[in-house]
């Protein structure tokens, strides 16, 4: 499964537009979207550049589109890593109302 079609549509591109950007046939774009044609690592890299997303997001492995973090987000991650388990548990409790169900039985922020 991948998000090529979703990203293409949200970018206002037709299959033929994306095909031109990728230098391939529109039928190949259709097959990539339907999962009928394997996506090479080089193609994944090009798609991520076109759609400004991570490979994990493109391949539905993450709900986070980009890996770009603000300074504040980076500081929070560093603080989380330095915190003991008690502090992490307190933060988890505080963030619980803001978590979203990912549909896989797991919750993601």
PDB file of N, CA and C in Angstrom:
ATOM      1  N   UNK A   1       0.840  -1.175   0.000  1.00  0.00           N
ATOM      2  CA  UNK A   1       0.000   0.000   0.000  1.00  0.00           C
ATOM      3  C   UNK A   1       0.891   1.247   0.000  1.00  0.00           C
ATOM      4  N   UNK A   2       0.437   2.272  -0.702  1.00  0.00           N
ATOM      5  CA  UNK A   2       1.160   3.539  -0.713  1.00  0.00           C
ATOM      6  C   UNK A   2       0.169   4.688  -0.821  1.00  0.00           C
ATOM      7  N   UNK A   3       0.697   5.888  -0.680  1.00  0.00           N
ATOM      8  CA  UNK A   3      -0.144   7.086  -0.705  1.00  0.00           C
ATOM      9  C   UNK A   3       0.058   7.912  -1.980  1.00  0.00           C
ATOM     10  N   UNK A   4       0.539   7.321  -3.027  1.00  0.00           N
ATOM     11  CA  UNK A   4       0.849   8.100  -4.229  1.00  0.00           C
ATOM     12  C   UNK A   4      -0.394   8.817  -4.745  1.00  0.00           C
ATOM     13  N   UNK A   5      -1.495   8.098  -4.891  1.00  0.00           N
ATOM     14  CA  UNK A   5      -2.712   8.720  -5.424  1.00  0.00           C
ATOM     15  C   UNK A   5      -3.186   9.851  -4.522  1.00  0.00           C
ATOM     16  N   UNK A   6      -3.223   9.592  -3.222  1.00  0.00           N
ATOM     17  CA  UNK A   6      -3.656  10.614  -2.262  1.00  0.00           C
ATOM     18  C   UNK A   6      -2.783  11.866  -2.371  1.00  0.00           C
ATOM     19  N   UNK A   7      -1.468  11.677  -2.417  1.00  0.00           N
ATOM     20  CA  UNK A   7      -0.547  12.814  -2.506  1.00  0.00           C
ATOM     21  C   UNK A   7      -0.678  13.523  -3.850  1.00  0.00           C
ATOM     22  N   UNK A   8      -0.839  12.757  -4.916  1.00  0.00           N
ATOM     23  CA  UNK A   8      -0.994  13.344  -6.255  1.00  0.00           C
ATOM     24  C   UNK A   8      -2.243  14.208  -6.308  1.00  0.00           C
ATOM     25  N   UNK A   9      -3.354  13.672  -5.812  1.00  0.00           N
ATOM     26  CA  UNK A   9      -4.611  14.427  -5.846  1.00  0.00           C
ATOM     27  C   UNK A   9      -4.538  15.673  -4.969  1.00  0.00           C
ATOM     28  N   UNK A  10      -3.943  15.542  -3.789  1.00  0.00           N
ATOM     29  CA  UNK A  10      -3.853  16.707  -2.896  1.00  0.00           C
ATOM     30  C   UNK A  10      -2.915  17.776  -3.458  1.00  0.00           C
ATOM     31  N   UNK A  11      -2.045  17.369  -4.387  1.00  0.00           N
ATOM     32  CA  UNK A  11      -1.155  18.334  -5.038  1.00  0.00           C
ATOM     33  C   UNK A  11      -1.766  18.898  -6.316  1.00  0.00           C
ATOM     34  N   UNK A  12      -2.958  18.429  -6.656  1.00  0.00           N
ATOM     35  CA  UNK A  12      -3.642  18.919  -7.851  1.00  0.00           C
ATOM     36  C   UNK A  12      -3.040  18.405  -9.148  1.00  0.00           C
ATOM     37  N   UNK A  13      -2.407  17.249  -9.094  1.00  0.00           N
ATOM     38  CA  UNK A  13      -1.767  16.680 -10.278  1.00  0.00           C
ATOM     39  C   UNK A  13      -2.616  15.583 -10.890  1.00  0.00           C
ATOM     40  N   UNK A  14      -2.603  15.508 -12.208  1.00  0.00           N
ATOM     41  CA  UNK A  14      -3.197  14.382 -12.926  1.00  0.00           C
ATOM     42  C   UNK A  14      -2.120  13.306 -13.031  1.00  0.00           C
ATOM     43  N   UNK A  15      -2.536  12.101 -13.351  1.00  0.00           N
ATOM     44  CA  UNK A  15      -1.554  11.033 -13.543  1.00  0.00           C
ATOM     45  C   UNK A  15      -0.545  11.407 -14.620  1.00  0.00           C
ATOM     46  N   UNK A  16      -1.026  12.060 -15.658  1.00  0.00           N
ATOM     47  CA  UNK A  16      -0.124  12.458 -16.749  1.00  0.00           C
ATOM     48  C   UNK A  16       0.886  13.514 -16.277  1.00  0.00           C
ATOM     49  N   UNK A  17       0.459  14.397 -15.365  1.00  0.00           N
ATOM     50  CA  UNK A  17       1.383  15.401 -14.811  1.00  0.00           C
ATOM     51  C   UNK A  17       2.490  14.728 -14.006  1.00  0.00           C
ATOM     52  N   UNK A  18       2.090  13.786 -13.153  1.00  0.00           N
ATOM     53  CA  UNK A  18       3.081  13.082 -12.343  1.00  0.00           C
ATOM     54  C   UNK A  18       3.992  12.243 -13.232  1.00  0.00           C
ATOM     55  N   UNK A  19       3.430  11.647 -14.263  1.00  0.00           N
ATOM     56  CA  UNK A  19       4.234  10.853 -15.194  1.00  0.00           C
ATOM     57  C   UNK A  19       5.320  11.705 -15.838  1.00  0.00           C
ATOM     58  N   UNK A  20       4.986  12.940 -16.193  1.00  0.00           N
ATOM     59  CA  UNK A  20       5.992  13.838 -16.780  1.00  0.00           C
ATOM     60  C   UNK A  20       7.097  14.147 -15.778  1.00  0.00           C
ATOM     61  N   UNK A  21       6.712  14.386 -14.526  1.00  0.00           N
ATOM     62  CA  UNK A  21       7.708  14.671 -13.501  1.00  0.00           C
ATOM     63  C   UNK A  21       8.623  13.475 -13.245  1.00  0.00           C
ATOM     64  N   UNK A  22       8.047  12.282 -13.356  1.00  0.00           N
ATOM     65  CA  UNK A  22       8.811  11.060 -13.111  1.00  0.00           C
ATOM     66  C   UNK A  22       9.482  10.520 -14.367  1.00  0.00           C
ATOM     67  N   UNK A  23       9.141  11.124 -15.521  1.00  0.00           N
ATOM     68  CA  UNK A  23       9.657  10.668 -16.813  1.00  0.00           C
ATOM     69  C   UNK A  23       9.288   9.200 -17.059  1.00  0.00           C
ATOM     70  N   UNK A  24       7.993   8.929 -16.894  1.00  0.00           N
ATOM     71  CA  UNK A  24       7.478   7.581 -17.146  1.00  0.00           C
ATOM     72  C   UNK A  24       6.114   7.709 -17.817  1.00  0.00           C
ATOM     73  N   UNK A  25       5.540   6.600 -18.181  1.00  0.00           N
ATOM     74  CA  UNK A  25       4.223   6.593 -18.821  1.00  0.00           C
ATOM     75  C   UNK A  25       3.120   6.765 -17.774  1.00  0.00           C
ATOM     76  N   UNK A  26       2.026   7.429 -18.139  1.00  0.00           N
ATOM     77  CA  UNK A  26       0.894   7.559 -17.216  1.00  0.00           C
ATOM     78  C   UNK A  26       0.374   6.199 -16.738  1.00  0.00           C
ATOM     79  N   UNK A  27       0.471   5.175 -17.587  1.00  0.00           N
ATOM     80  CA  UNK A  27       0.029   3.845 -17.162  1.00  0.00           C
ATOM     81  C   UNK A  27       0.896   3.320 -16.023  1.00  0.00           C
ATOM     82  N   UNK A  28       2.179   3.698 -16.007  1.00  0.00           N
ATOM     83  CA  UNK A  28       3.059   3.280 -14.909  1.00  0.00           C
ATOM     84  C   UNK A  28       2.607   3.941 -13.609  1.00  0.00           C
ATOM     85  N   UNK A  29       2.225   5.223 -13.682  1.00  0.00           N
ATOM     86  CA  UNK A  29       1.735   5.919 -12.486  1.00  0.00           C
ATOM     87  C   UNK A  29       0.500   5.209 -11.953  1.00  0.00           C
ATOM     88  N   UNK A  30      -0.401   4.847 -12.830  1.00  0.00           N
ATOM     89  CA  UNK A  30      -1.605   4.124 -12.426  1.00  0.00           C
ATOM     90  C   UNK A  30      -1.238   2.815 -11.728  1.00  0.00           C
ATOM     91  N   UNK A  31      -0.297   2.090 -12.281  1.00  0.00           N
ATOM     92  CA  UNK A  31       0.110   0.810 -11.692  1.00  0.00           C
ATOM     93  C   UNK A  31       0.817   1.005 -10.355  1.00  0.00           C
ATOM     94  N   UNK A  32       1.596   2.090 -10.229  1.00  0.00           N
ATOM     95  CA  UNK A  32       2.222   2.385  -8.932  1.00  0.00           C
ATOM     96  C   UNK A  32       1.142   2.658  -7.878  1.00  0.00           C
ATOM     97  N   UNK A  33       0.141   3.458  -8.274  1.00  0.00           N
ATOM     98  CA  UNK A  33      -0.933   3.806  -7.345  1.00  0.00           C
ATOM     99  C   UNK A  33      -1.736   2.585  -6.912  1.00  0.00           C
ATOM    100  N   UNK A  34      -1.931   1.665  -7.812  1.00  0.00           N
ATOM    101  CA  UNK A  34      -2.716   0.463  -7.513  1.00  0.00           C
ATOM    102  C   UNK A  34      -1.886  -0.644  -6.869  1.00  0.00           C
ATOM    103  N   UNK A  35      -0.585  -0.420  -6.749  1.00  0.00           N
ATOM    104  CA  UNK A  35       0.286  -1.430  -6.163  1.00  0.00           C
ATOM    105  C   UNK A  35       0.557  -2.596  -7.094  1.00  0.00           C
ATOM    106  N   UNK A  36       0.346  -2.383  -8.392  1.00  0.00           N
ATOM    107  CA  UNK A  36       0.562  -3.438  -9.380  1.00  0.00           C
ATOM    108  C   UNK A  36       1.986  -3.437  -9.920  1.00  0.00           C
ATOM    109  N   UNK A  37       2.735  -2.391  -9.591  1.00  0.00           N
ATOM    110  CA  UNK A  37       4.115  -2.261 -10.055  1.00  0.00           C
ATOM    111  C   UNK A  37       4.972  -1.865  -8.868  1.00  0.00           C
ATOM    112  N   UNK A  38       6.039  -2.598  -8.645  1.00  0.00           N
ATOM    113  CA  UNK A  38       6.925  -2.305  -7.520  1.00  0.00           C
ATOM    114  C   UNK A  38       7.595  -0.949  -7.689  1.00  0.00           C
ATOM    115  N   UNK A  39       7.789  -0.273  -6.565  1.00  0.00           N
ATOM    116  CA  UNK A  39       8.406   1.054  -6.563  1.00  0.00           C
ATOM    117  C   UNK A  39       9.861   0.899  -6.143  1.00  0.00           C
ATOM    118  N   UNK A  40      10.771   1.320  -6.994  1.00  0.00           N
ATOM    119  CA  UNK A  40      12.202   1.226  -6.682  1.00  0.00           C
ATOM    120  C   UNK A  40      12.571   2.276  -5.640  1.00  0.00           C
ATOM    121  N   UNK A  41      13.709   2.082  -5.017  1.00  0.00           N
ATOM    122  CA  UNK A  41      14.162   3.061  -4.017  1.00  0.00           C
ATOM    123  C   UNK A  41      14.424   4.419  -4.674  1.00  0.00           C
ATOM    124  N   UNK A  42      14.906   4.410  -5.913  1.00  0.00           N
ATOM    125  CA  UNK A  42      15.141   5.677  -6.622  1.00  0.00           C
ATOM    126  C   UNK A  42      13.817   6.400  -6.867  1.00  0.00           C
ATOM    127  N   UNK A  43      12.780   5.649  -7.211  1.00  0.00           N
ATOM    128  CA  UNK A  43      11.462   6.254  -7.443  1.00  0.00           C
ATOM    129  C   UNK A  43      10.870   6.774  -6.137  1.00  0.00           C
ATOM    130  N   UNK A  44      11.039   6.026  -5.063  1.00  0.00           N
ATOM    131  CA  UNK A  44      10.568   6.487  -3.754  1.00  0.00           C
ATOM    132  C   UNK A  44      11.220   7.818  -3.416  1.00  0.00           C
ATOM    133  N   UNK A  45      12.512   7.909  -3.646  1.00  0.00           N
ATOM    134  CA  UNK A  45      13.244   9.153  -3.375  1.00  0.00           C
ATOM    135  C   UNK A  45      12.695  10.304  -4.211  1.00  0.00           C
ATOM    136  N   UNK A  46      12.429  10.062  -5.485  1.00  0.00           N
ATOM    137  CA  UNK A  46      11.887  11.118  -6.352  1.00  0.00           C
ATOM    138  C   UNK A  46      10.487  11.535  -5.921  1.00  0.00           C
ATOM    139  N   UNK A  47       9.651  10.559  -5.571  1.00  0.00           N
ATOM    140  CA  UNK A  47       8.290  10.872  -5.116  1.00  0.00           C
ATOM    141  C   UNK A  47       8.308  11.681  -3.827  1.00  0.00           C
ATOM    142  N   UNK A  48       9.202  11.312  -2.926  1.00  0.00           N
ATOM    143  CA  UNK A  48       9.306  12.053  -1.661  1.00  0.00           C
ATOM    144  C   UNK A  48       9.720  13.496  -1.921  1.00  0.00           C
ATOM    145  N   UNK A  49      10.594  13.701  -2.883  1.00  0.00           N
ATOM    146  CA  UNK A  49      10.997  15.060  -3.254  1.00  0.00           C
ATOM    147  C   UNK A  49       9.850  15.848  -3.871  1.00  0.00           C
ATOM    148  N   UNK A  50       9.101  15.213  -4.728  1.00  0.00           N
ATOM    149  CA  UNK A  50       7.964  15.867  -5.385  1.00  0.00           C
ATOM    150  C   UNK A  50       6.893  16.246  -4.371  1.00  0.00           C
ATOM    151  N   UNK A  51       6.581  15.318  -3.451  1.00  0.00           N
ATOM    152  CA  UNK A  51       5.482  15.530  -2.511  1.00  0.00           C
ATOM    153  C   UNK A  51       5.927  16.047  -1.150  1.00  0.00           C
ATOM    154  N   UNK A  52       7.220  16.287  -0.977  1.00  0.00           N
ATOM    155  CA  UNK A  52       7.759  16.785   0.291  1.00  0.00           C
ATOM    156  C   UNK A  52       7.267  15.940   1.468  1.00  0.00           C
ATOM    157  N   UNK A  53       7.577  14.654   1.380  1.00  0.00           N
ATOM    158  CA  UNK A  53       7.183  13.737   2.445  1.00  0.00           C
ATOM    159  C   UNK A  53       8.300  12.724   2.685  1.00  0.00           C
ATOM    160  N   UNK A  54       8.184  11.988   3.756  1.00  0.00           N
ATOM    161  CA  UNK A  54       9.158  10.947   4.041  1.00  0.00           C
ATOM    162  C   UNK A  54       8.753   9.661   3.326  1.00  0.00           C
ATOM    163  N   UNK A  55       9.707   8.768   3.156  1.00  0.00           N
ATOM    164  CA  UNK A  55       9.417   7.467   2.558  1.00  0.00           C
ATOM    165  C   UNK A  55       8.443   6.691   3.437  1.00  0.00           C
ATOM    166  N   UNK A  56       8.595   6.794   4.749  1.00  0.00           N
ATOM    167  CA  UNK A  56       7.679   6.104   5.650  1.00  0.00           C
ATOM    168  C   UNK A  56       6.245   6.587   5.456  1.00  0.00           C
ATOM    169  N   UNK A  57       6.058   7.883   5.251  1.00  0.00           N
ATOM    170  CA  UNK A  57       4.708   8.405   5.020  1.00  0.00           C
ATOM    171  C   UNK A  57       4.192   7.909   3.662  1.00  0.00           C
ATOM    172  N   UNK A  58       5.018   7.991   2.641  1.00  0.00           N
ATOM    173  CA  UNK A  58       4.629   7.558   1.300  1.00  0.00           C
ATOM    174  C   UNK A  58       4.191   6.098   1.296  1.00  0.00           C
ATOM    175  N   UNK A  59       4.894   5.267   2.072  1.00  0.00           N
ATOM    176  CA  UNK A  59       4.617   3.833   2.102  1.00  0.00           C
ATOM    177  C   UNK A  59       3.670   3.433   3.232  1.00  0.00           C
ATOM    178  N   UNK A  60       2.984   4.406   3.827  1.00  0.00           N
ATOM    179  CA  UNK A  60       1.975   4.174   4.876  1.00  0.00           C
ATOM    180  C   UNK A  60       2.560   3.532   6.129  1.00  0.00           C
ATOM    181  N   UNK A  61       3.807   3.811   6.419  1.00  0.00           N
ATOM    182  CA  UNK A  61       4.432   3.295   7.641  1.00  0.00           C
ATOM    183  C   UNK A  61       4.378   4.311   8.771  1.00  0.00           C
ATOM    184  N   UNK A  62       3.963   5.536   8.438  1.00  0.00           N
ATOM    185  CA  UNK A  62       3.883   6.607   9.421  1.00  0.00           C
ATOM    186  C   UNK A  62       2.749   7.543   9.041  1.00  0.00           C
ATOM    187  N   UNK A  63       2.201   8.195  10.041  1.00  0.00           N
ATOM    188  CA  UNK A  63       1.173   9.207   9.816  1.00  0.00           C
ATOM    189  C   UNK A  63       1.784  10.605   9.783  1.00  0.00           C
ATOM    190  N   UNK A  64       3.087  10.694   9.997  1.00  0.00           N
ATOM    191  CA  UNK A  64       3.782  11.978  10.016  1.00  0.00           C
ATOM    192  C   UNK A  64       4.374  12.215   8.637  1.00  0.00           C
ATOM    193  N   UNK A  65       3.901  13.269   7.964  1.00  0.00           N
ATOM    194  CA  UNK A  65       4.269  13.494   6.568  1.00  0.00           C
ATOM    195  C   UNK A  65       5.729  13.885   6.371  1.00  0.00           C
ATOM    196  N   UNK A  66       6.229  14.776   7.189  1.00  0.00           N
ATOM    197  CA  UNK A  66       7.617  15.201   7.017  1.00  0.00           C
ATOM    198  C   UNK A  66       8.402  14.952   8.291  1.00  0.00           C
ATOM    199  N   UNK A  67       9.697  14.895   8.135  1.00  0.00           N
ATOM    200  CA  UNK A  67      10.540  14.697   9.312  1.00  0.00           C
ATOM    201  C   UNK A  67      11.051  16.024   9.847  1.00  0.00           C
ATOM    202  N   UNK A  68      10.609  17.107   9.251  1.00  0.00           N
ATOM    203  CA  UNK A  68      11.029  18.430   9.702  1.00  0.00           C
ATOM    204  C   UNK A  68      10.359  18.754  11.031  1.00  0.00           C
ATOM    205  N   UNK A  69      11.174  19.049  12.018  1.00  0.00           N
ATOM    206  CA  UNK A  69      10.655  19.407  13.331  1.00  0.00           C
ATOM    207  C   UNK A  69      11.003  20.854  13.635  1.00  0.00           C
ATOM    208  N   UNK A  70      10.126  21.500  14.373  1.00  0.00           N
ATOM    209  CA  UNK A  70      10.446  22.845  14.847  1.00  0.00           C
ATOM    210  C   UNK A  70      11.465  22.711  15.978  1.00  0.00           C
ATOM    211  N   UNK A  71      12.069  23.805  16.347  1.00  0.00           N
ATOM    212  CA  UNK A  71      13.021  23.811  17.457  1.00  0.00           C
ATOM    213  C   UNK A  71      12.320  23.344  18.733  1.00  0.00           C
ATOM    214  N   UNK A  72      11.103  23.787  18.944  1.00  0.00           N
ATOM    215  CA  UNK A  72      10.341  23.387  20.129  1.00  0.00           C
ATOM    216  C   UNK A  72      10.101  21.878  20.149  1.00  0.00           C
ATOM    217  N   UNK A  73       9.747  21.292  18.986  1.00  0.00           N
ATOM    218  CA  UNK A  73       9.529  19.856  18.912  1.00  0.00           C
ATOM    219  C   UNK A  73      10.824  19.088  19.188  1.00  0.00           C
ATOM    220  N   UNK A  74      11.932  19.570  18.647  1.00  0.00           N
ATOM    221  CA  UNK A  74      13.223  18.937  18.908  1.00  0.00           C
ATOM    222  C   UNK A  74      13.558  18.978  20.398  1.00  0.00           C
ATOM    223  N   UNK A  75      13.307  20.117  21.038  1.00  0.00           N
ATOM    224  CA  UNK A  75      13.572  20.263  22.470  1.00  0.00           C
ATOM    225  C   UNK A  75      12.728  19.282  23.289  1.00  0.00           C
ATOM    226  N   UNK A  76      11.473  19.092  22.883  1.00  0.00           N
ATOM    227  CA  UNK A  76      10.589  18.163  23.586  1.00  0.00           C
ATOM    228  C   UNK A  76      11.129  16.737  23.467  1.00  0.00           C
ATOM    229  N   UNK A  77      11.579  16.360  22.294  1.00  0.00           N
ATOM    230  CA  UNK A  77      12.127  15.018  22.091  1.00  0.00           C
ATOM    231  C   UNK A  77      13.380  14.813  22.927  1.00  0.00           C
ATOM    232  N   UNK A  78      14.266  15.791  22.943  1.00  0.00           N
ATOM    233  CA  UNK A  78      15.488  15.690  23.749  1.00  0.00           C
ATOM    234  C   UNK A  78      15.122  15.567  25.232  1.00  0.00           C
ATOM    235  N   UNK A  79      14.184  16.365  25.677  1.00  0.00           N
ATOM    236  CA  UNK A  79      13.755  16.302  27.080  1.00  0.00           C
ATOM    237  C   UNK A  79      13.147  14.944  27.395  1.00  0.00           C
ATOM    238  N   UNK A  80      12.327  14.422  26.495  1.00  0.00           N
ATOM    239  CA  UNK A  80      11.705  13.108  26.683  1.00  0.00           C
ATOM    240  C   UNK A  80      12.779  12.034  26.852  1.00  0.00           C
ATOM    241  N   UNK A  81      13.802  12.090  26.010  1.00  0.00           N
ATOM    242  CA  UNK A  81      14.868  11.081  26.069  1.00  0.00           C
ATOM    243  C   UNK A  81      15.672  11.169  27.363  1.00  0.00           C
ATOM    244  N   UNK A  82      15.757  12.362  27.935  1.00  0.00           N
ATOM    245  CA  UNK A  82      16.499  12.547  29.181  1.00  0.00           C
ATOM    246  C   UNK A  82      15.668  12.201  30.419  1.00  0.00           C
ATOM    247  N   UNK A  83      14.363  12.163  30.262  1.00  0.00           N
ATOM    248  CA  UNK A  83      13.455  11.983  31.395  1.00  0.00           C
ATOM    249  C   UNK A  83      13.482  10.548  31.910  1.00  0.00           C
ATOM    250  N   UNK A  84      13.192  10.399  33.201  1.00  0.00           N
ATOM    251  CA  UNK A  84      13.054   9.055  33.765  1.00  0.00           C
ATOM    252  C   UNK A  84      11.643   8.540  33.456  1.00  0.00           C
ATOM    253  N   UNK A  85      11.383   7.284  33.783  1.00  0.00           N
ATOM    254  CA  UNK A  85      10.108   6.662  33.439  1.00  0.00           C
ATOM    255  C   UNK A  85       8.924   7.356  34.105  1.00  0.00           C
ATOM    256  N   UNK A  86       9.096   7.816  35.325  1.00  0.00           N
ATOM    257  CA  UNK A  86       8.015   8.507  36.035  1.00  0.00           C
ATOM    258  C   UNK A  86       7.596   9.765  35.272  1.00  0.00           C
ATOM    259  N   UNK A  87       8.569  10.541  34.823  1.00  0.00           N
ATOM    260  CA  UNK A  87       8.275  11.764  34.068  1.00  0.00           C
ATOM    261  C   UNK A  87       7.615  11.429  32.729  1.00  0.00           C
ATOM    262  N   UNK A  88       8.095  10.379  32.064  1.00  0.00           N
ATOM    263  CA  UNK A  88       7.500   9.976  30.792  1.00  0.00           C
ATOM    264  C   UNK A  88       6.044   9.542  30.980  1.00  0.00           C
ATOM    265  N   UNK A  89       5.778   8.825  32.075  1.00  0.00           N
ATOM    266  CA  UNK A  89       4.403   8.407  32.362  1.00  0.00           C
ATOM    267  C   UNK A  89       3.494   9.616  32.575  1.00  0.00           C
ATOM    268  N   UNK A  90       4.010  10.632  33.274  1.00  0.00           N
ATOM    269  CA  UNK A  90       3.225  11.842  33.513  1.00  0.00           C
ATOM    270  C   UNK A  90       2.907  12.551  32.196  1.00  0.00           C
ATOM    271  N   UNK A  91       3.881  12.630  31.306  1.00  0.00           N
ATOM    272  CA  UNK A  91       3.672  13.273  30.005  1.00  0.00           C
ATOM    273  C   UNK A  91       2.654  12.474  29.190  1.00  0.00           C
ATOM    274  N   UNK A  92       2.767  11.156  29.222  1.00  0.00           N
ATOM    275  CA  UNK A  92       1.817  10.312  28.482  1.00  0.00           C
ATOM    276  C   UNK A  92       0.389  10.531  28.953  1.00  0.00           C
ATOM    277  N   UNK A  93       0.206  10.632  30.250  1.00  0.00           N
ATOM    278  CA  UNK A  93      -1.130  10.882  30.807  1.00  0.00           C
ATOM    279  C   UNK A  93      -1.636  12.253  30.339  1.00  0.00           C
ATOM    280  N   UNK A  94      -0.768  13.247  30.360  1.00  0.00           N
ATOM    281  CA  UNK A  94      -1.167  14.597  29.951  1.00  0.00           C
ATOM    282  C   UNK A  94      -1.534  14.658  28.463  1.00  0.00           C
ATOM    283  N   UNK A  95      -0.883  13.843  27.637  1.00  0.00           N
ATOM    284  CA  UNK A  95      -1.123  13.877  26.192  1.00  0.00           C
ATOM    285  C   UNK A  95      -2.246  12.951  25.732  1.00  0.00           C
ATOM    286  N   UNK A  96      -2.722  12.089  26.602  1.00  0.00           N
ATOM    287  CA  UNK A  96      -3.742  11.109  26.226  1.00  0.00           C
ATOM    288  C   UNK A  96      -4.953  11.721  25.507  1.00  0.00           C
ATOM    289  N   UNK A  97      -5.486  12.855  25.943  1.00  0.00           N
ATOM    290  CA  UNK A  97      -6.653  13.424  25.235  1.00  0.00           C
ATOM    291  C   UNK A  97      -6.350  13.867  23.797  1.00  0.00           C
ATOM    292  N   UNK A  98      -5.085  14.010  23.460  1.00  0.00           N
ATOM    293  CA  UNK A  98      -4.715  14.507  22.142  1.00  0.00           C
ATOM    294  C   UNK A  98      -4.296  13.410  21.174  1.00  0.00           C
ATOM    295  N   UNK A  99      -4.263  12.180  21.644  1.00  0.00           N
ATOM    296  CA  UNK A  99      -3.864  11.060  20.793  1.00  0.00           C
ATOM    297  C   UNK A  99      -4.983  10.725  19.819  1.00  0.00           C
ATOM    298  N   UNK A 100      -4.579  10.243  18.619  1.00  0.00           N
ATOM    299  CA  UNK A 100      -5.542   9.852  17.600  1.00  0.00           C
ATOM    300  C   UNK A 100      -5.406   8.365  17.351  1.00  0.00           C
ATOM    301  N   UNK A 101      -6.521   7.701  17.131  1.00  0.00           N
ATOM    302  CA  UNK A 101      -6.505   6.283  16.801  1.00  0.00           C
ATOM    303  C   UNK A 101      -6.041   6.149  15.360  1.00  0.00           C
ATOM    304  N   UNK A 102      -5.041   5.282  15.115  1.00  0.00           N
ATOM    305  CA  UNK A 102      -4.500   5.094  13.768  1.00  0.00           C
ATOM    306  C   UNK A 102      -5.249   4.039  12.977  1.00  0.00           C
ATOM    307  N   UNK A 103      -6.221   3.375  13.592  1.00  0.00           N
ATOM    308  CA  UNK A 103      -6.966   2.339  12.910  1.00  0.00           C
ATOM    309  C   UNK A 103      -6.324   0.971  13.045  1.00  0.00           C
ATOM    310  N   UNK A 104      -5.129   0.912  13.590  1.00  0.00           N
ATOM    311  CA  UNK A 104      -4.433  -0.375  13.728  1.00  0.00           C
ATOM    312  C   UNK A 104      -4.489  -0.871  15.169  1.00  0.00           C
ATOM    313  N   UNK A 105      -5.303  -0.248  15.976  1.00  0.00           N
ATOM    314  CA  UNK A 105      -5.363  -0.633  17.371  1.00  0.00           C
ATOM    315  C   UNK A 105      -4.333   0.100  18.217  1.00  0.00           C
ATOM    316  N   UNK A 106      -3.419   0.801  17.549  1.00  0.00           N
ATOM    317  CA  UNK A 106      -2.403   1.574  18.257  1.00  0.00           C
ATOM    318  C   UNK A 106      -2.811   3.035  18.193  1.00  0.00           C
ATOM    319  N   UNK A 107      -2.284   3.781  19.104  1.00  0.00           N
ATOM    320  CA  UNK A 107      -2.548   5.222  19.087  1.00  0.00           C
ATOM    321  C   UNK A 107      -1.275   5.942  18.694  1.00  0.00           C
ATOM    322  N   UNK A 108      -1.447   7.027  17.948  1.00  0.00           N
ATOM    323  CA  UNK A 108      -0.299   7.845  17.533  1.00  0.00           C
ATOM    324  C   UNK A 108      -0.623   9.294  17.808  1.00  0.00           C
ATOM    325  N   UNK A 109       0.399  10.042  18.083  1.00  0.00           N
ATOM    326  CA  UNK A 109       0.221  11.471  18.350  1.00  0.00           C
ATOM    327  C   UNK A 109       0.413  12.228  17.064  1.00  0.00           C
TER     328      UNK A 109
END
